Amino acid sequence: MSAQIIAIDTMGGDSGPRLIVKASIACLKATPSLHLALVGQPSLIEPFVSGLCAADRARLQIVAASEVIGMAERPGQALRGKPDSSMRVALELVRDGKAHACVSAGNTGALMALSRFVLKTLPGIDRPAMVAAIPTRSGFCQLLDLGANVDCTAEHLYQFAVMGSVAAQALGIAQPRVGLLNCGTEDIKGNQQVRQAAVLLGESRTLNYVGFVEGDGLYRGEADVLVCDGFVGNAVLKSSEGLASMITDRLQALFRQGLLARLAGILALPLLRRLKADLAPARHNGASLLGLQGIVIKSHGAAGLQGFQSAVERALIEVRMNLPARLQGLLDNHLP
């Protein structure tokens, strides 16, 4: 298998190089075809790679970047004021063909702005959209946008639907069911942008549009791709993560209440562990920025070791699928 080179922004996120480098090295050891470009301040990265064996060290390079984009910085400031930031340098490696993908846990707004500036969007796409797989009763649903675009027009929502459908096809779903997230299923429900987007989607001859889907329909698996603006999508994503944690915590607390409950808990422990693993946000960490001329994966800023590993693994999947090229090849059939 040919090598996959992933550029890692080691300075982003809440924990910085300490956690990100450790998680990246775990992926390196688990995937013989993986090569890493760790981007950031060498003096902060080198202590965490000094113990690698020669074979693993040969698949890793440290790329110096002197500046760091803070989590609270405005995207414009990051774009204009920090030309040597670790995030920008990592994206430039992808642009220049020196890496196949970029993974960052840094500032979401800055990552979106820099990605659009450095990599550009695919022809026909105005804005990239952030998408991730949400667990449902029957499998997964690709939910987008997750926060990259708070204010969207009907045309943007239509483009998100096209990109989500193409991405789902690349993941093996022949005719992905595309829905619009709304506060009801009736035609009169929703804001103006959503209703206008419904008209555009209903007129499409190539998309398998199934209409409006309410929030509970997401988890029932009523759509393979569910489209919304970034404000709504981010709220749904964070609510899903909180709900999953609450359910597992409540079940564990119930099984500690009394002797009979403890005995039941012992019997149910394997199932509880499986449920917790299936719903764990860390397992599904890593949102893809669709619509760019390159692969960019956004990790949650507070992700732990397993979470950041999941983001790197998502990047590997998209590199192996050559997702941007697939998107480009199919967009012309979908866009009006």
Protein backbone atom coordinates (compact mmCIF):
# COMPACT_ATOMS: atom_id res chain seq x y z
CA MET A 1 0.00 0.00 0.00
CA SER A 2 1.32 3.44 -0.90
CA ALA A 3 2.20 5.87 1.87
CA GLN A 4 -0.33 8.32 3.27
CA ILE A 5 1.23 11.54 4.53
CA ILE A 6 -0.79 13.44 7.14
CA ALA A 7 0.17 16.94 8.28
CA ILE A 8 -0.67 17.45 11.96
CA ASP A 9 -1.16 20.89 13.50
CA THR A 10 0.44 20.02 16.85
CA MET A 11 -0.15 23.44 18.43
CA GLY A 12 -3.96 23.47 18.21
CA GLY A 13 -6.54 22.29 20.73
CA ASP A 14 -6.68 22.55 24.49
CA SER A 15 -3.68 20.30 25.22
CA GLY A 16 -1.23 21.18 22.44
CA PRO A 17 1.74 18.99 21.49
CA ARG A 18 1.70 16.83 24.62
CA LEU A 19 -1.51 15.04 23.69
CA ILE A 20 -1.57 15.57 19.91
CA VAL A 21 1.93 14.19 19.30
CA LYS A 22 1.27 11.20 21.56
CA ALA A 23 -1.98 10.39 19.73
CA SER A 24 -0.34 10.86 16.33
CA ILE A 25 2.49 8.49 17.25
CA ALA A 26 -0.04 5.87 18.35
CA CYS A 27 -1.59 6.07 14.86
CA LEU A 28 1.88 5.89 13.29
CA LYS A 29 2.66 2.66 15.13
CA ALA A 30 -0.72 1.15 14.25
CA THR A 31 -0.58 1.99 10.52
CA PRO A 32 2.59 0.97 8.65
CA SER A 33 1.65 3.03 5.57
CA LEU A 34 1.20 6.25 7.58
CA HIS A 35 3.78 9.03 7.46
CA LEU A 36 3.49 12.13 9.65
CA ALA A 37 4.50 15.75 9.26
CA LEU A 38 4.27 17.22 12.77
CA VAL A 39 3.96 20.98 12.37
CA GLY A 40 4.77 23.38 15.19
CA GLN A 41 7.59 24.52 17.43
CA PRO A 42 10.35 21.84 17.27
CA SER A 43 11.51 22.41 20.85
CA LEU A 44 8.02 21.45 22.08
CA ILE A 45 7.60 18.47 19.73
CA GLU A 46 11.00 16.77 19.91
CA PRO A 47 10.78 15.55 23.55
CA PHE A 48 7.73 13.45 22.64
CA VAL A 49 9.35 11.72 19.65
CA SER A 50 12.81 11.07 21.11
CA GLY A 51 11.93 7.53 22.21
CA LEU A 52 10.75 6.28 18.82
CA CYS A 53 12.53 3.36 17.19
CA ALA A 54 14.49 4.08 14.01
CA ALA A 55 11.84 2.57 11.71
CA ASP A 56 9.04 4.71 13.15
CA ARG A 57 11.20 7.83 13.32
CA ALA A 58 11.96 7.45 9.61
CA ARG A 59 8.23 7.89 8.87
CA LEU A 60 8.01 11.14 10.82
CA GLN A 61 9.27 14.64 10.13
CA ILE A 62 9.04 17.81 12.19
CA VAL A 63 8.13 20.92 10.23
CA ALA A 64 8.90 24.17 12.00
CA ALA A 65 6.24 26.86 12.44
CA SER A 66 6.95 29.76 14.75
CA GLU A 67 3.41 31.06 15.38
CA VAL A 68 0.32 29.68 17.12
CA ILE A 69 -3.31 30.63 16.49
CA GLY A 70 -5.18 31.00 19.77
CA MET A 71 -8.58 29.39 20.25
CA ALA A 72 -10.22 32.80 20.75
CA GLU A 73 -8.55 34.64 17.85
CA ARG A 74 -10.69 36.07 15.08
CA PRO A 75 -10.36 34.30 11.71
CA GLY A 76 -9.30 37.55 9.97
CA GLN A 77 -6.48 38.05 12.44
CA ALA A 78 -5.28 34.49 11.92
CA LEU A 79 -5.48 34.88 8.15
CA ARG A 80 -3.62 38.17 7.86
CA GLY A 81 -1.48 38.38 10.97
CA LYS A 82 0.15 34.95 11.33
CA PRO A 83 1.69 33.72 8.07
CA ASP A 84 3.88 31.18 9.89
CA SER A 85 1.24 29.62 12.13
CA SER A 86 1.28 25.85 12.57
CA MET A 87 -2.23 25.63 11.11
CA ARG A 88 -1.33 27.54 7.96
CA VAL A 89 1.95 25.70 7.41
CA ALA A 90 0.13 22.35 7.73
CA LEU A 91 -2.42 23.43 5.12
CA GLU A 92 0.32 24.65 2.81
CA LEU A 93 1.91 21.20 2.93
CA VAL A 94 -1.35 19.81 1.53
CA ARG A 95 -1.54 22.57 -1.10
CA ASP A 96 2.02 21.91 -2.22
CA GLY A 97 1.52 18.15 -2.49
CA LYS A 98 3.83 17.37 0.44
CA ALA A 99 0.96 15.92 2.50
CA HIS A 100 -2.31 14.24 1.56
CA ALA A 101 -4.38 15.70 4.42
CA CYS A 102 -4.28 18.08 7.37
CA VAL A 103 -5.63 17.41 10.86
CA SER A 104 -6.09 20.23 13.37
CA ALA A 105 -7.79 20.62 16.75
CA GLY A 106 -7.36 24.37 16.60
CA ASN A 107 -9.65 27.37 16.18
CA THR A 108 -12.56 26.30 13.93
CA GLY A 109 -13.14 29.72 12.38
CA ALA A 110 -9.46 30.17 11.62
CA LEU A 111 -9.22 26.68 10.13
CA MET A 112 -12.17 27.38 7.84
CA ALA A 113 -10.81 30.76 6.73
CA LEU A 114 -7.28 29.48 6.15
CA SER A 115 -8.50 26.35 4.36
CA ARG A 116 -10.56 28.41 1.93
CA PHE A 117 -7.64 30.79 1.34
CA VAL A 118 -4.86 28.21 1.04
CA LEU A 119 -6.63 25.26 -0.62
CA LYS A 120 -9.57 26.98 -2.36
CA THR A 121 -12.98 25.40 -2.87
CA LEU A 122 -13.97 22.99 -5.60
CA PRO A 123 -15.61 24.56 -8.68
CA GLY A 124 -19.30 25.17 -8.02
CA ILE A 125 -18.94 25.25 -4.23
CA ASP A 126 -19.23 28.60 -2.45
CA ARG A 127 -18.45 27.43 1.09
CA PRO A 128 -16.96 24.28 2.56
CA ALA A 129 -19.17 22.47 5.07
CA MET A 130 -18.18 20.59 8.20
CA VAL A 131 -19.61 17.06 8.29
CA ALA A 132 -19.40 14.14 10.73
CA ALA A 133 -21.07 10.76 11.14
CA ILE A 134 -23.77 10.69 13.85
CA PRO A 135 -24.77 7.27 15.28
CA THR A 136 -28.39 6.33 14.55
CA ARG A 137 -30.65 3.36 15.26
CA SER A 138 -29.72 1.76 11.94
CA GLY A 139 -26.15 2.96 11.39
CA PHE A 140 -24.87 6.49 10.77
CA CYS A 141 -26.09 9.75 9.31
CA GLN A 142 -23.79 12.35 7.75
CA LEU A 143 -24.81 15.62 9.45
CA LEU A 144 -23.76 18.96 7.96
CA ASP A 145 -23.00 21.78 8.54
CA LEU A 146 -21.63 21.45 12.09
CA GLY A 147 -20.56 25.03 12.75
CA ALA A 148 -18.44 26.28 9.88
CA ASN A 149 -21.27 28.34 8.36
CA VAL A 150 -23.66 29.89 10.89
CA ASP A 151 -25.63 31.93 8.33
CA CYS A 152 -26.58 30.09 5.15
CA THR A 153 -28.65 30.78 2.08
CA ALA A 154 -30.90 28.22 0.42
CA GLU A 155 -28.25 27.76 -2.27
CA HIS A 156 -25.63 26.96 0.39
CA LEU A 157 -27.91 24.35 1.95
CA TYR A 158 -28.43 22.83 -1.50
CA GLN A 159 -24.66 22.63 -2.02
CA PHE A 160 -24.26 21.00 1.41
CA ALA A 161 -26.83 18.40 0.37
CA VAL A 162 -24.91 17.66 -2.82
CA MET A 163 -21.59 17.33 -1.02
CA GLY A 164 -23.07 15.17 1.74
CA SER A 165 -24.72 12.89 -0.80
CA VAL A 166 -21.51 12.45 -2.78
CA ALA A 167 -19.54 11.76 0.42
CA ALA A 168 -22.11 9.15 1.51
CA GLN A 169 -21.85 7.52 -1.91
CA ALA A 170 -18.08 7.36 -1.50
CA LEU A 171 -18.66 5.58 1.82
CA GLY A 172 -20.71 2.90 0.07
CA ILE A 173 -24.34 4.10 0.11
CA ALA A 174 -25.66 3.80 -3.46
CA GLN A 175 -28.58 6.24 -3.20
CA PRO A 176 -28.20 8.26 0.01
CA ARG A 177 -31.45 9.60 1.44
CA VAL A 178 -31.03 13.36 1.83
CA GLY A 179 -33.17 15.28 4.34
CA LEU A 180 -33.46 18.85 5.59
CA LEU A 181 -33.43 19.24 9.38
CA ASN A 182 -36.54 21.19 10.36
CA CYS A 183 -38.93 21.86 13.23
CA GLY A 184 -41.70 19.92 11.48
CA THR A 185 -42.39 17.84 8.38
CA GLU A 186 -45.12 20.04 6.90
CA ASP A 187 -44.29 22.26 3.90
CA ILE A 188 -45.14 25.44 5.83
CA LYS A 189 -42.68 24.71 8.66
CA GLY A 190 -39.20 26.22 8.99
CA ASN A 191 -37.55 29.51 8.19
CA GLN A 192 -37.41 31.04 4.73
CA GLN A 193 -33.99 29.60 3.85
CA VAL A 194 -35.02 26.06 4.73
CA ARG A 195 -38.27 26.28 2.76
CA GLN A 196 -36.43 27.69 -0.25
CA ALA A 197 -33.80 24.96 -0.01
CA ALA A 198 -36.60 22.38 0.03
CA VAL A 199 -37.84 23.74 -3.30
CA LEU A 200 -34.35 23.47 -4.83
CA LEU A 201 -33.87 19.93 -3.51
CA GLY A 202 -37.32 18.88 -4.65
CA GLU A 203 -36.46 19.99 -8.20
CA SER A 204 -33.21 17.99 -8.28
CA ARG A 205 -33.25 14.97 -10.59
CA THR A 206 -30.10 13.44 -9.15
CA LEU A 207 -30.50 13.71 -5.36
CA ASN A 208 -32.63 11.25 -3.40
CA TYR A 209 -34.39 13.97 -1.41
CA VAL A 210 -36.77 12.63 1.28
CA GLY A 211 -38.06 15.95 2.64
CA PHE A 212 -38.02 17.54 6.08
CA VAL A 213 -36.69 15.49 9.01
CA GLU A 214 -37.24 16.44 12.64
CA GLY A 215 -34.58 16.09 15.32
CA ASP A 216 -35.75 12.71 16.55
CA GLY A 217 -35.75 11.45 12.96
CA LEU A 218 -31.98 11.88 12.90
CA TYR A 219 -31.54 9.17 15.52
CA ARG A 220 -34.22 6.94 13.98
CA GLY A 221 -32.14 6.85 10.81
CA GLU A 222 -34.68 8.55 8.55
CA ALA A 223 -31.91 9.99 6.38
CA ASP A 224 -28.38 9.10 5.37
CA VAL A 225 -27.50 12.78 4.93
CA LEU A 226 -29.11 15.53 7.01
CA VAL A 227 -28.58 19.18 6.09
CA CYS A 228 -28.82 22.29 8.29
CA ASP A 229 -26.97 25.53 8.89
CA GLY A 230 -23.92 25.56 11.17
CA PHE A 231 -25.71 27.15 14.11
CA VAL A 232 -28.29 24.36 14.30
CA GLY A 233 -25.82 21.61 13.42
CA ASN A 234 -23.36 22.55 16.13
CA ALA A 235 -26.14 22.66 18.71
CA VAL A 236 -27.33 19.20 17.63
CA LEU A 237 -23.79 17.81 17.74
CA LYS A 238 -23.02 19.13 21.23
CA SER A 239 -26.44 17.99 22.49
CA SER A 240 -25.78 14.51 21.09
CA GLU A 241 -22.43 14.30 22.85
CA GLY A 242 -23.94 15.45 26.14
CA LEU A 243 -26.86 13.04 25.85
CA ALA A 244 -24.60 10.06 25.18
CA SER A 245 -22.50 10.86 28.25
CA MET A 246 -25.58 11.40 30.42
CA ILE A 247 -27.17 8.08 29.41
CA THR A 248 -24.09 6.02 30.21
CA ASP A 249 -23.48 7.90 33.49
CA ARG A 250 -27.13 7.45 34.58
CA LEU A 251 -27.07 3.72 33.82
CA GLN A 252 -23.87 3.26 35.78
CA ALA A 253 -25.34 5.18 38.73
CA LEU A 254 -28.52 3.06 38.68
CA PHE A 255 -26.50 -0.16 38.80
CA ARG A 256 -24.73 1.04 41.95
CA GLN A 257 -27.97 1.49 43.96
CA GLY A 258 -28.34 -1.57 46.18
CA LEU A 259 -27.19 -5.18 46.09
CA LEU A 260 -29.68 -6.40 43.47
CA ALA A 261 -28.82 -3.45 41.23
CA ARG A 262 -25.13 -4.22 41.59
CA LEU A 263 -25.70 -7.86 40.64
CA ALA A 264 -27.74 -6.77 37.62
CA GLY A 265 -25.00 -4.34 36.75
CA ILE A 266 -22.38 -7.10 36.79
CA LEU A 267 -24.49 -9.14 34.36
CA ALA A 268 -25.11 -6.12 32.15
CA LEU A 269 -21.52 -4.84 32.28
CA PRO A 270 -20.44 -6.22 28.86
CA LEU A 271 -23.49 -4.65 27.21
CA LEU A 272 -22.92 -1.35 29.02
CA ARG A 273 -19.31 -1.25 27.87
CA ARG A 274 -20.41 -1.93 24.29
CA LEU A 275 -23.08 0.80 24.47
CA LYS A 276 -20.61 3.30 25.90
CA ALA A 277 -18.09 2.49 23.17
CA ASP A 278 -20.74 2.83 20.43
CA LEU A 279 -21.95 6.20 21.69
CA ALA A 280 -18.64 7.65 22.87
CA PRO A 281 -18.01 11.04 21.23
CA ALA A 282 -14.30 10.19 20.99
CA ARG A 283 -15.04 7.31 18.63
CA HIS A 284 -16.75 9.64 16.18
CA ASN A 285 -14.41 12.63 16.60
CA GLY A 286 -13.14 14.22 13.43
CA ALA A 287 -15.28 16.39 11.19
CA SER A 288 -14.39 16.71 7.53
CA LEU A 289 -14.37 20.08 5.73
CA LEU A 290 -16.10 19.07 2.50
CA GLY A 291 -15.82 21.14 -0.66
CA LEU A 292 -12.12 21.99 -0.53
CA GLN A 293 -9.42 21.09 -3.02
CA GLY A 294 -7.74 19.03 -0.32
CA ILE A 295 -8.57 17.00 2.78
CA VAL A 296 -8.91 18.83 6.09
CA ILE A 297 -10.15 17.21 9.29
CA LYS A 298 -11.21 19.24 12.34
CA SER A 299 -10.77 17.51 15.69
CA HIS A 300 -12.64 18.64 18.78
CA GLY A 301 -10.42 21.04 20.72
CA ALA A 302 -10.95 19.11 23.95
CA ALA A 303 -10.48 15.65 22.39
CA GLY A 304 -8.46 13.13 24.35
CA LEU A 305 -6.00 10.58 22.99
CA GLN A 306 -8.63 8.28 21.51
CA GLY A 307 -10.54 11.22 20.08
CA PHE A 308 -7.58 12.70 18.22
CA GLN A 309 -6.63 9.24 16.95
CA SER A 310 -10.15 8.97 15.50
CA ALA A 311 -9.62 12.27 13.66
CA VAL A 312 -6.36 11.00 12.13
CA GLU A 313 -8.09 7.75 11.16
CA ARG A 314 -10.85 9.72 9.42
CA ALA A 315 -8.17 11.57 7.45
CA LEU A 316 -6.65 8.23 6.41
CA ILE A 317 -10.02 6.97 5.17
CA GLU A 318 -10.57 10.08 3.05
CA VAL A 319 -7.04 9.90 1.63
CA ARG A 320 -7.55 6.27 0.62
CA MET A 321 -10.89 7.19 -0.99
CA ASN A 322 -9.32 10.23 -2.70
CA LEU A 323 -12.45 12.05 -1.59
CA PRO A 324 -11.84 15.52 -3.15
CA ALA A 325 -11.29 13.94 -6.58
CA ARG A 326 -14.45 11.86 -6.19
CA LEU A 327 -16.39 14.95 -5.18
CA GLN A 328 -15.07 16.88 -8.16
CA GLY A 329 -15.94 14.06 -10.52
CA LEU A 330 -19.54 13.82 -9.33
CA LEU A 331 -20.43 17.44 -8.52
CA ASP A 332 -21.17 18.33 -12.14
CA ASN A 333 -23.93 15.72 -12.20
CA HIS A 334 -25.63 17.19 -9.13
CA LEU A 335 -25.17 20.96 -9.21
CA PRO A 336 -27.71 22.94 -11.25
